[in-house]
Protein backbone atom coordinates (compact mmCIF):
# COMPACT_ATOMS: atom_id res chain seq x y z
CA MET A 1 -38.04 43.65 -8.76
CA THR A 2 -36.96 45.04 -12.13
CA THR A 3 -33.68 43.80 -13.60
CA SER A 4 -31.57 46.48 -15.26
CA ALA A 5 -29.71 46.03 -18.52
CA ASN A 6 -26.40 46.33 -16.64
CA GLU A 7 -27.43 43.44 -14.38
CA LEU A 8 -28.56 41.37 -17.35
CA TYR A 9 -25.55 41.91 -19.56
CA GLY A 10 -22.82 43.24 -17.28
CA SER A 11 -21.19 46.65 -17.43
CA PRO A 12 -19.44 47.38 -20.72
CA LYS A 13 -15.78 46.39 -20.77
CA ARG A 14 -13.07 48.70 -22.04
CA GLN A 15 -12.55 46.70 -25.22
CA ILE A 16 -14.47 47.52 -28.39
CA SER A 17 -14.92 45.68 -31.68
CA ILE A 18 -15.73 47.88 -34.66
CA ILE A 19 -17.41 46.14 -37.60
CA LEU A 20 -17.69 47.42 -41.17
CA PRO A 21 -19.58 45.85 -44.09
CA VAL A 22 -17.50 46.82 -47.12
CA LEU A 23 -18.50 46.75 -50.79
CA ASN A 24 -17.13 49.06 -53.52
CA GLU A 25 -15.78 51.56 -50.99
CA ALA A 26 -12.44 52.44 -52.63
CA ASP A 27 -13.23 56.16 -52.47
CA HIS A 28 -13.99 56.23 -48.73
CA LEU A 29 -12.61 53.15 -46.94
CA GLU A 30 -9.23 54.54 -45.92
CA GLU A 31 -10.81 57.72 -44.55
CA SER A 32 -13.33 55.67 -42.60
CA VAL A 33 -10.73 53.34 -41.08
CA GLN A 34 -8.38 56.22 -40.21
CA SER A 35 -11.19 57.90 -38.29
CA ILE A 36 -11.35 54.76 -36.14
CA LEU A 37 -7.61 54.37 -35.68
CA THR A 38 -7.24 57.99 -34.49
CA GLN A 39 -9.84 57.77 -31.71
CA ASP A 40 -9.06 59.17 -28.25
CA TYR A 41 -10.39 55.96 -26.69
CA LEU A 42 -7.96 54.45 -24.17
CA GLY A 43 -9.14 50.84 -24.26
CA ASP A 44 -8.30 48.04 -26.69
CA ILE A 45 -10.00 48.00 -30.08
CA GLU A 46 -10.19 45.73 -33.10
CA ILE A 47 -11.58 46.54 -36.55
CA ILE A 48 -13.33 43.80 -38.50
CA LEU A 49 -13.74 44.51 -42.23
CA ALA A 50 -16.25 42.15 -43.90
CA ILE A 51 -15.17 42.42 -47.53
CA ALA A 52 -17.59 41.65 -50.36
CA PRO A 53 -16.50 41.02 -53.97
CA SER A 54 -16.00 44.56 -55.25
CA GLN A 55 -15.65 46.10 -58.68
CA ASP A 56 -13.08 48.69 -57.63
CA GLU A 57 -9.85 48.71 -55.58
CA THR A 58 -11.61 48.08 -52.25
CA GLU A 59 -9.97 44.72 -51.54
CA LYS A 60 -6.49 46.02 -52.36
CA ILE A 61 -6.98 48.99 -50.05
CA ALA A 62 -8.33 46.77 -47.26
CA HIS A 63 -5.34 44.42 -47.44
CA ALA A 64 -2.93 47.36 -47.42
CA LEU A 65 -4.61 48.77 -44.29
CA ALA A 66 -4.49 45.39 -42.53
CA GLU A 67 -0.80 45.00 -43.32
CA LYS A 68 -0.07 48.31 -41.59
CA ASP A 69 -2.05 47.65 -38.41
CA SER A 70 -2.58 44.28 -36.70
CA ARG A 71 -5.83 45.51 -35.12
CA ILE A 72 -7.48 45.35 -38.55
CA VAL A 73 -8.92 41.91 -39.38
CA LEU A 74 -10.34 40.96 -42.77
CA VAL A 75 -13.15 38.45 -43.23
CA GLU A 76 -14.86 37.46 -46.46
CA ASN A 77 -18.49 38.18 -47.28
CA PRO A 78 -19.01 36.21 -50.51
CA SER A 79 -22.72 37.03 -50.83
CA GLY A 80 -22.14 40.79 -50.82
CA ARG A 81 -25.25 41.30 -48.67
CA THR A 82 -25.05 43.79 -45.81
CA ALA A 83 -26.80 41.69 -43.16
CA SER A 84 -24.55 38.73 -43.95
CA ALA A 85 -21.48 40.96 -43.73
CA LEU A 86 -22.52 42.25 -40.33
CA ASN A 87 -23.19 38.76 -38.96
CA ILE A 88 -19.90 37.41 -40.31
CA ALA A 89 -18.08 40.33 -38.71
CA ILE A 90 -19.90 39.88 -35.39
CA ALA A 91 -18.90 36.21 -35.34
CA ALA A 92 -15.25 37.27 -35.69
CA THR A 93 -15.32 39.76 -32.79
CA LYS A 94 -13.76 39.13 -29.40
CA TYR A 95 -14.86 42.16 -27.35
CA SER A 96 -18.06 42.96 -25.45
CA ILE A 97 -19.03 46.21 -27.18
CA ILE A 98 -19.72 46.05 -30.92
CA VAL A 99 -19.79 49.33 -32.86
CA ARG A 100 -21.02 49.42 -36.43
CA VAL A 101 -19.34 51.84 -38.83
CA ASP A 102 -19.91 51.91 -42.59
CA GLY A 103 -17.18 52.04 -45.21
CA HIS A 104 -18.49 55.42 -46.45
CA SER A 105 -18.83 57.04 -43.01
CA ARG A 106 -16.44 58.80 -40.65
CA ILE A 107 -16.69 58.96 -36.86
CA PRO A 108 -15.44 61.88 -34.73
CA LYS A 109 -12.39 61.47 -32.50
CA ASN A 110 -14.38 60.94 -29.27
CA TYR A 111 -17.01 58.59 -30.72
CA LEU A 112 -15.85 55.36 -29.05
CA THR A 113 -15.34 57.10 -25.70
CA LEU A 114 -18.87 58.48 -25.89
CA VAL A 115 -20.59 55.22 -26.86
CA SER A 116 -18.87 53.37 -24.01
CA GLU A 117 -19.96 56.02 -21.51
CA ILE A 118 -23.53 56.24 -22.84
CA LEU A 119 -24.01 52.46 -22.82
CA GLU A 120 -22.93 52.29 -19.20
CA LYS A 121 -24.86 55.36 -18.03
CA THR A 122 -28.16 54.53 -19.74
CA GLY A 123 -28.21 50.75 -19.49
CA ALA A 124 -29.17 50.65 -23.18
CA VAL A 125 -28.42 47.67 -25.39
CA ASN A 126 -27.85 49.87 -28.44
CA VAL A 127 -26.94 53.56 -28.72
CA GLY A 128 -26.54 55.79 -31.76
CA GLY A 129 -26.74 59.36 -32.91
CA VAL A 130 -26.93 61.65 -35.90
CA MET A 131 -26.38 60.69 -39.53
CA ASP A 132 -24.58 63.85 -40.68
CA ALA A 133 -24.76 63.72 -44.47
CA GLN A 134 -21.97 65.68 -46.14
CA GLY A 135 -21.40 65.72 -49.88
CA ARG A 136 -18.33 66.59 -51.90
CA THR A 137 -19.83 67.16 -55.35
CA LEU A 138 -22.68 69.56 -56.14
CA PHE A 139 -25.11 66.64 -56.48
CA GLU A 140 -23.98 65.03 -53.22
CA ARG A 141 -24.29 68.33 -51.35
CA GLY A 142 -27.86 68.70 -52.60
CA VAL A 143 -28.69 65.19 -51.43
CA ALA A 144 -27.05 65.90 -48.09
CA ARG A 145 -29.25 68.96 -47.52
CA ALA A 146 -32.37 66.91 -48.27
CA MET A 147 -31.24 64.13 -45.90
CA LYS A 148 -31.11 66.62 -43.02
CA SER A 149 -34.59 67.95 -43.70
CA ALA A 150 -37.79 66.63 -42.13
CA LEU A 151 -39.46 67.39 -45.46
CA GLY A 152 -36.91 65.25 -47.30
CA VAL A 153 -36.60 62.22 -45.01
CA GLY A 154 -39.15 62.58 -42.22
CA ALA A 155 -38.68 63.59 -38.61
CA SER A 156 -36.46 60.76 -37.34
CA ARG A 157 -34.00 62.20 -34.84
CA PHE A 158 -31.02 60.44 -36.39
CA HIS A 159 -31.62 62.54 -39.52
CA THR A 160 -32.70 65.88 -38.08
CA GLY A 161 -31.29 65.82 -34.53
CA GLY A 162 -33.16 66.25 -31.27
CA ALA A 163 -33.00 65.57 -27.55
CA ALA A 164 -31.28 62.53 -26.09
CA GLY A 165 -33.58 59.72 -25.07
CA GLU A 166 -35.10 56.38 -25.91
CA ALA A 167 -35.86 55.74 -29.59
CA ASP A 168 -37.30 53.06 -31.84
CA THR A 169 -34.12 52.94 -33.93
CA VAL A 170 -30.79 54.74 -34.32
CA TYR A 171 -28.17 55.20 -37.03
CA LEU A 172 -25.55 52.41 -37.24
CA GLY A 173 -25.46 51.54 -33.53
CA ALA A 174 -23.12 50.55 -30.70
CA PHE A 175 -24.32 47.33 -29.11
CA ARG A 176 -23.82 45.22 -26.03
CA LYS A 177 -22.64 42.01 -27.64
CA GLU A 178 -24.60 39.77 -25.26
CA ALA A 179 -27.87 41.45 -26.22
CA LEU A 180 -27.03 41.32 -29.90
CA ILE A 181 -26.26 37.60 -29.79
CA ALA A 182 -29.36 36.86 -27.69
CA ALA A 183 -31.52 38.62 -30.29
CA GLY A 184 -30.07 36.49 -33.09
CA CYS A 185 -28.05 39.30 -34.71
CA PHE A 186 -29.18 40.70 -38.08
CA ASP A 187 -31.94 39.04 -40.09
CA GLU A 188 -30.29 38.05 -43.36
CA ARG A 189 -33.63 37.98 -45.18
CA PHE A 190 -33.56 41.80 -45.17
CA THR A 191 -31.58 43.49 -47.94
CA ARG A 192 -32.28 46.92 -46.38
CA ALA A 193 -33.72 48.17 -43.07
CA GLN A 194 -31.82 45.46 -41.19
CA ASP A 195 -30.94 47.83 -38.35
CA TRP A 196 -34.55 48.98 -37.96
CA GLU A 197 -35.76 45.35 -37.84
CA LEU A 198 -33.06 44.32 -35.34
CA ASN A 199 -33.88 47.23 -33.06
CA HIS A 200 -37.49 46.13 -33.01
CA ARG A 201 -36.45 42.69 -31.76
CA LEU A 202 -34.08 44.18 -29.19
CA ARG A 203 -36.89 46.35 -27.82
CA LYS A 204 -39.33 43.43 -27.85
CA ALA A 205 -36.85 41.51 -25.68
CA GLY A 206 -36.88 44.36 -23.14
CA GLY A 207 -33.79 46.23 -24.32
CA LYS A 208 -33.50 50.00 -24.52
CA ILE A 209 -32.47 51.74 -27.74
CA TYR A 210 -31.00 55.16 -26.96
CA PHE A 211 -30.40 58.21 -29.17
CA ASP A 212 -27.72 60.75 -28.21
CA PRO A 213 -27.13 63.77 -30.49
CA ARG A 214 -23.48 63.97 -29.46
CA LEU A 215 -22.81 60.87 -31.57
CA VAL A 216 -22.44 62.57 -34.95
CA VAL A 217 -21.33 60.36 -37.84
CA THR A 218 -20.30 61.84 -41.19
CA TYR A 219 -22.11 60.05 -44.00
CA ARG A 220 -21.22 60.27 -47.71
CA PRO A 221 -24.38 60.29 -49.90
CA ARG A 222 -24.71 58.31 -53.11
CA SER A 223 -22.96 60.05 -55.99
CA SER A 224 -25.53 59.57 -58.78
CA VAL A 225 -29.28 59.81 -59.34
CA LEU A 226 -29.46 56.12 -60.25
CA ALA A 227 -27.63 54.97 -57.12
CA LEU A 228 -29.74 57.24 -54.93
CA ALA A 229 -33.01 56.08 -56.48
CA LYS A 230 -32.03 52.44 -56.02
CA GLN A 231 -31.06 53.09 -52.40
CA TYR A 232 -34.36 54.72 -51.43
CA PHE A 233 -36.49 52.30 -53.42
CA ASN A 234 -34.93 49.47 -51.43
CA TYR A 235 -35.36 51.35 -48.14
CA GLY A 236 -39.09 51.70 -48.78
CA ARG A 237 -39.49 48.14 -49.96
CA TRP A 238 -37.73 46.58 -46.98
CA ARG A 239 -39.25 48.92 -44.39
CA SER A 240 -42.64 47.74 -45.65
CA ALA A 241 -41.45 44.15 -45.33
CA GLY A 242 -40.52 44.86 -41.73
CA TRP A 243 -43.95 46.27 -41.02
CA ARG A 244 -45.54 43.12 -42.42
CA VAL A 245 -43.23 40.81 -40.46
CA HIS A 246 -43.76 42.55 -37.15
CA ALA A 247 -47.20 44.15 -37.70
CA LEU A 248 -45.79 47.56 -36.77
CA GLY A 249 -47.00 51.07 -37.34
CA ARG A 250 -44.70 54.06 -37.65
CA THR A 251 -41.22 54.19 -36.08
CA ASP A 252 -39.05 56.88 -34.55
């Protein structure tokens, strides 16, 4: 007899923890947090900001946000590494659904409602949707167009869209906490591609990763050629490391 994910982990509760790794996000952090605070979700939420040592006003903005709303909790990420930030934030959560949001992204008003419903309906251990790149400057808008093109970034559904269904990996992710903990959370050896590597382990343990195009997250591209080049160099480097670690071929 096959055991479903709902039987293994229990149906999702109506409380959600939202975790954000935050480093040098002064330009976008308030917008990102406000998109969470204005959700139409009816259950309890908490927002965990894992703050790295920043070179801008990020920490000041984070403290000001936390002072205004008791649902916002600040934790320190002294290493500045994304995987460490995510694990520190996960350890601080108290609810059974964990939703990752980045400090330079914005979620639509119904995002939390949708992820809760999709987790329960599909039995998945992680669900995610479309990375909707939107730039503000001329350079950022050009990057955004390339990030939505199969020619620019490949045919992954979280970049270009597509039908709902099982996937190898998804953008950001909304997780069942029990499955996340059982998998060992994020591998802190990975500077990039941590989500891709984690999703491999979740699938290897029998979990379902599910893509739904209704989950559209606004993403702000890097604002300079240097920052963009560094970002994609590291993506390629750490995706290759993941292939070596897990002896994988191509992914979704």
